[in-house]
Every structure is written in C-alpha cells, then in structure tokens.
Amino acid sequence: MINFMKKNSWINNSIRLNKEKQYLFFAILFLFFALPAKATMCPDGSYVNANECTMAPDGSYVGGNNATMAPDGSYVGGNNTTMAPDGSYVGGTQATMCPDGSYVGGNTCHLMPDGTYK
C-alpha cells in the first residue's frame, strides 16, 4: 500500500509540474502574440518600429509616413521631436531609455531582429 501511494504521489507531482509548464508556455505564447513589435525592414537593411519605412531627405529611413527634422539635423518619424537625456532626438512626445542605454520615442522599447531597440 505504501509503494502504491508513493507511486501515486509521483504521478500527481508529475501532472502538476506539466500543468505549470503548460501555464508558462501559454503565458509566453500570449505575450508573444499580444505585444508584437512592428519590426519592418527598410531597403537599407535597417529596422523601424512601424508598418512602413519612409526615406528622409538625408537618405536615412524612419518609421511612419513622414520624416521630421530634429534641431540637430537628424530625422525622426512622426510629427514631433523630443530631446532625450543623452542629447539625441526621438520621434514622439516622450523619450524612454532602453536596456542598452539608447532612447526611443514613446513609452515602450521594442527589440528589433538586428539587436537594436526602436
């Protein structure tokens, strides 16, 4: 009887562990599909966090449907430019620091396939 209970206990622990793995799997899967980055590859091989690339007058590509010139002469996507704490300019009304120390416009950093944040 004791061996049977031990065996049953092992089976119950195994089922519980598998359920925990299943919950983790579905949680990760949900995050993957619920929070996708809009990584679009531009003709020069760079990525933007938008559905489309727009070529700026200097030949660089920005995300969105228009390029706005920042005070330092660089171009950002969108209608607004915001100066980040490091002196760079980002599109939008808010600059957010990403894990690699760079800044992006908006409140969320999205990791692009090339390892940069947009």
C-alpha atoms as a PDB file:
ATOM      1  CA  MET A   1       0.000   0.000   0.000  1.00  0.00           C
ATOM      2  CA  ILE A   2       2.853   2.417   0.809  1.00  0.00           C
ATOM      3  CA  ASN A   3       4.516   1.841  -2.586  1.00  0.00           C
ATOM      4  CA  PHE A   4       1.225   2.499  -4.354  1.00  0.00           C
ATOM      5  CA  MET A   5       0.827   5.821  -2.504  1.00  0.00           C
ATOM      6  CA  LYS A   6       4.365   6.844  -3.340  1.00  0.00           C
ATOM      7  CA  LYS A   7       3.781   5.984  -6.968  1.00  0.00           C
ATOM      8  CA  ASN A   8       0.524   7.909  -6.973  1.00  0.00           C
ATOM      9  CA  SER A   9       2.261  10.870  -5.346  1.00  0.00           C
ATOM     10  CA  TRP A  10       4.885  10.873  -8.083  1.00  0.00           C
ATOM     11  CA  ILE A  11       2.200  10.813 -10.765  1.00  0.00           C
ATOM     12  CA  ASN A  12       0.319  13.680  -9.106  1.00  0.00           C
ATOM     13  CA  ASN A  13       3.522  15.750  -8.862  1.00  0.00           C
ATOM     14  CA  SER A  14       4.312  14.998 -12.498  1.00  0.00           C
ATOM     15  CA  ILE A  15       0.849  16.105 -13.636  1.00  0.00           C
ATOM     16  CA  ARG A  16       1.095  19.276 -11.550  1.00  0.00           C
ATOM     17  CA  LEU A  17       4.534  20.053 -12.988  1.00  0.00           C
ATOM     18  CA  ASN A  18       3.240  19.540 -16.504  1.00  0.00           C
ATOM     19  CA  LYS A  19       0.308  21.878 -15.807  1.00  0.00           C
ATOM     20  CA  GLU A  20       2.723  24.522 -14.522  1.00  0.00           C
ATOM     21  CA  LYS A  21       4.785  24.155 -17.678  1.00  0.00           C
ATOM     22  CA  GLN A  22       1.622  24.426 -19.751  1.00  0.00           C
ATOM     23  CA  TYR A  23       0.572  27.627 -17.997  1.00  0.00           C
ATOM     24  CA  LEU A  24       4.064  29.086 -18.514  1.00  0.00           C
ATOM     25  CA  PHE A  25       4.044  28.095 -22.172  1.00  0.00           C
ATOM     26  CA  PHE A  26       0.664  29.709 -22.805  1.00  0.00           C
ATOM     27  CA  ALA A  27       1.653  32.843 -20.873  1.00  0.00           C
ATOM     28  CA  ILE A  28       4.767  33.261 -23.021  1.00  0.00           C
ATOM     29  CA  LEU A  29       2.784  32.497 -26.162  1.00  0.00           C
ATOM     30  CA  PHE A  30       0.183  35.110 -25.203  1.00  0.00           C
ATOM     31  CA  LEU A  31       2.856  37.757 -24.634  1.00  0.00           C
ATOM     32  CA  PHE A  32       4.480  36.911 -27.948  1.00  0.00           C
ATOM     33  CA  PHE A  33       1.268  37.470 -29.879  1.00  0.00           C
ATOM     34  CA  ALA A  34      -0.247  40.174 -27.680  1.00  0.00           C
ATOM     35  CA  LEU A  35       2.777  42.505 -27.679  1.00  0.00           C
ATOM     36  CA  PRO A  36       4.413  42.131 -31.078  1.00  0.00           C
ATOM     37  CA  ALA A  37       6.927  44.697 -32.199  1.00  0.00           C
ATOM     38  CA  LYS A  38       6.176  46.135 -35.617  1.00  0.00           C
ATOM     39  CA  ALA A  39       9.616  45.328 -36.972  1.00  0.00           C
ATOM     40  CA  THR A  40       9.701  46.429 -40.594  1.00  0.00           C
ATOM     41  CA  MET A  41      12.902  46.034 -42.585  1.00  0.00           C
ATOM     42  CA  CYS A  42      13.750  49.028 -44.740  1.00  0.00           C
ATOM     43  CA  PRO A  43      15.544  48.890 -48.125  1.00  0.00           C
ATOM     44  CA  ASP A  44      18.900  49.765 -46.497  1.00  0.00           C
ATOM     45  CA  GLY A  45      18.631  46.820 -44.073  1.00  0.00           C
ATOM     46  CA  SER A  46      17.736  48.872 -41.005  1.00  0.00           C
ATOM     47  CA  TYR A  47      14.587  48.245 -38.970  1.00  0.00           C
ATOM     48  CA  VAL A  48      11.834  50.576 -37.838  1.00  0.00           C
ATOM     49  CA  ASN A  49       9.095  50.020 -35.285  1.00  0.00           C
ATOM     50  CA  ALA A  50       6.249  50.856 -37.660  1.00  0.00           C
ATOM     51  CA  ASN A  51       4.266  49.354 -40.503  1.00  0.00           C
ATOM     52  CA  GLU A  52       6.182  51.298 -43.119  1.00  0.00           C
ATOM     53  CA  CYS A  53       9.566  52.908 -43.810  1.00  0.00           C
ATOM     54  CA  THR A  54       9.858  56.486 -45.016  1.00  0.00           C
ATOM     55  CA  MET A  55      13.023  57.771 -46.620  1.00  0.00           C
ATOM     56  CA  ALA A  56      14.171  61.056 -45.116  1.00  0.00           C
ATOM     57  CA  PRO A  57      15.842  63.745 -47.265  1.00  0.00           C
ATOM     58  CA  ASP A  58      19.291  62.671 -45.960  1.00  0.00           C
ATOM     59  CA  GLY A  59      18.768  59.094 -47.207  1.00  0.00           C
ATOM     60  CA  SER A  60      18.068  57.530 -43.805  1.00  0.00           C
ATOM     61  CA  TYR A  61      14.860  55.661 -43.075  1.00  0.00           C
ATOM     62  CA  VAL A  62      12.374  56.418 -40.314  1.00  0.00           C
ATOM     63  CA  GLY A  63       9.206  54.665 -39.225  1.00  0.00           C
ATOM     64  CA  GLY A  64       5.815  56.019 -40.170  1.00  0.00           C
ATOM     65  CA  ASN A  65       4.601  58.042 -43.100  1.00  0.00           C
ATOM     66  CA  ASN A  66       6.614  61.239 -42.606  1.00  0.00           C
ATOM     67  CA  ALA A  67      10.094  62.299 -41.550  1.00  0.00           C
ATOM     68  CA  THR A  68      10.540  65.308 -39.268  1.00  0.00           C
ATOM     69  CA  MET A  69      13.849  67.136 -38.987  1.00  0.00           C
ATOM     70  CA  ALA A  70      15.128  67.450 -35.433  1.00  0.00           C
ATOM     71  CA  PRO A  71      17.089  70.534 -34.278  1.00  0.00           C
ATOM     72  CA  ASP A  72      20.398  68.635 -34.664  1.00  0.00           C
ATOM     73  CA  GLY A  73      19.701  67.895 -38.337  1.00  0.00           C
ATOM     74  CA  SER A  74      18.761  64.235 -37.894  1.00  0.00           C
ATOM     75  CA  TYR A  75      15.369  62.895 -38.937  1.00  0.00           C
ATOM     76  CA  VAL A  76      12.798  61.097 -36.808  1.00  0.00           C
ATOM     77  CA  GLY A  77       9.477  59.501 -37.653  1.00  0.00           C
ATOM     78  CA  GLY A  78       6.283  61.303 -36.757  1.00  0.00           C
ATOM     79  CA  ASN A  79       5.290  64.935 -36.323  1.00  0.00           C
ATOM     80  CA  ASN A  80       7.032  65.693 -33.010  1.00  0.00           C
ATOM     81  CA  THR A  81      10.633  65.584 -31.883  1.00  0.00           C
ATOM     82  CA  THR A  82      11.728  65.112 -28.284  1.00  0.00           C
ATOM     83  CA  MET A  83      15.246  65.525 -26.968  1.00  0.00           C
ATOM     84  CA  ALA A  84      16.352  62.524 -24.885  1.00  0.00           C
ATOM     85  CA  PRO A  85      18.592  62.963 -21.803  1.00  0.00           C
ATOM     86  CA  ASP A  86      21.663  61.882 -23.835  1.00  0.00           C
ATOM     87  CA  GLY A  87      21.104  64.702 -26.342  1.00  0.00           C
ATOM     88  CA  SER A  88      19.719  62.560 -29.147  1.00  0.00           C
ATOM     89  CA  TYR A  89      16.302  63.194 -30.666  1.00  0.00           C
ATOM     90  CA  VAL A  90      13.426  60.735 -30.920  1.00  0.00           C
ATOM     91  CA  GLY A  91      10.032  60.944 -32.557  1.00  0.00           C
ATOM     92  CA  GLY A  92       7.033  61.499 -30.329  1.00  0.00           C
ATOM     93  CA  THR A  93       6.419  63.372 -27.117  1.00  0.00           C
ATOM     94  CA  GLN A  94       8.239  61.061 -24.692  1.00  0.00           C
ATOM     95  CA  ALA A  95      11.726  59.512 -24.623  1.00  0.00           C
ATOM     96  CA  THR A  96      12.197  56.123 -22.938  1.00  0.00           C
ATOM     97  CA  MET A  97      15.553  54.599 -22.049  1.00  0.00           C
ATOM     98  CA  CYS A  98      16.041  51.013 -23.270  1.00  0.00           C
ATOM     99  CA  PRO A  99      18.176  48.266 -21.684  1.00  0.00           C
ATOM    100  CA  ASP A 100      21.131  49.045 -23.969  1.00  0.00           C
ATOM    101  CA  GLY A 101      21.156  52.716 -22.914  1.00  0.00           C
ATOM    102  CA  SER A 102      19.630  54.075 -26.113  1.00  0.00           C
ATOM    103  CA  TYR A 103      16.418  56.102 -26.187  1.00  0.00           C
ATOM    104  CA  VAL A 104      13.262  55.553 -28.186  1.00  0.00           C
ATOM    105  CA  GLY A 105      10.155  57.633 -28.721  1.00  0.00           C
ATOM    106  CA  GLY A 106       7.107  56.521 -26.765  1.00  0.00           C
ATOM    107  CA  ASN A 107       6.915  54.504 -23.582  1.00  0.00           C
ATOM    108  CA  THR A 108       7.999  51.031 -24.751  1.00  0.00           C
ATOM    109  CA  CYS A 109      11.263  49.653 -26.107  1.00  0.00           C
ATOM    110  CA  HIS A 110      10.899  47.035 -28.836  1.00  0.00           C
ATOM    111  CA  LEU A 111      13.837  44.758 -29.608  1.00  0.00           C
ATOM    112  CA  MET A 112      14.383  44.527 -33.359  1.00  0.00           C
ATOM    113  CA  PRO A 113      15.782  41.438 -35.133  1.00  0.00           C
ATOM    114  CA  ASP A 114      19.157  43.158 -35.551  1.00  0.00           C
ATOM    115  CA  GLY A 115      19.531  43.624 -31.756  1.00  0.00           C
ATOM    116  CA  THR A 116      18.731  47.332 -31.633  1.00  0.00           C
ATOM    117  CA  TYR A 117      15.839  48.917 -29.794  1.00  0.00           C
ATOM    118  CA  LYS A 118      13.248  51.083 -31.539  1.00  0.00           C
END
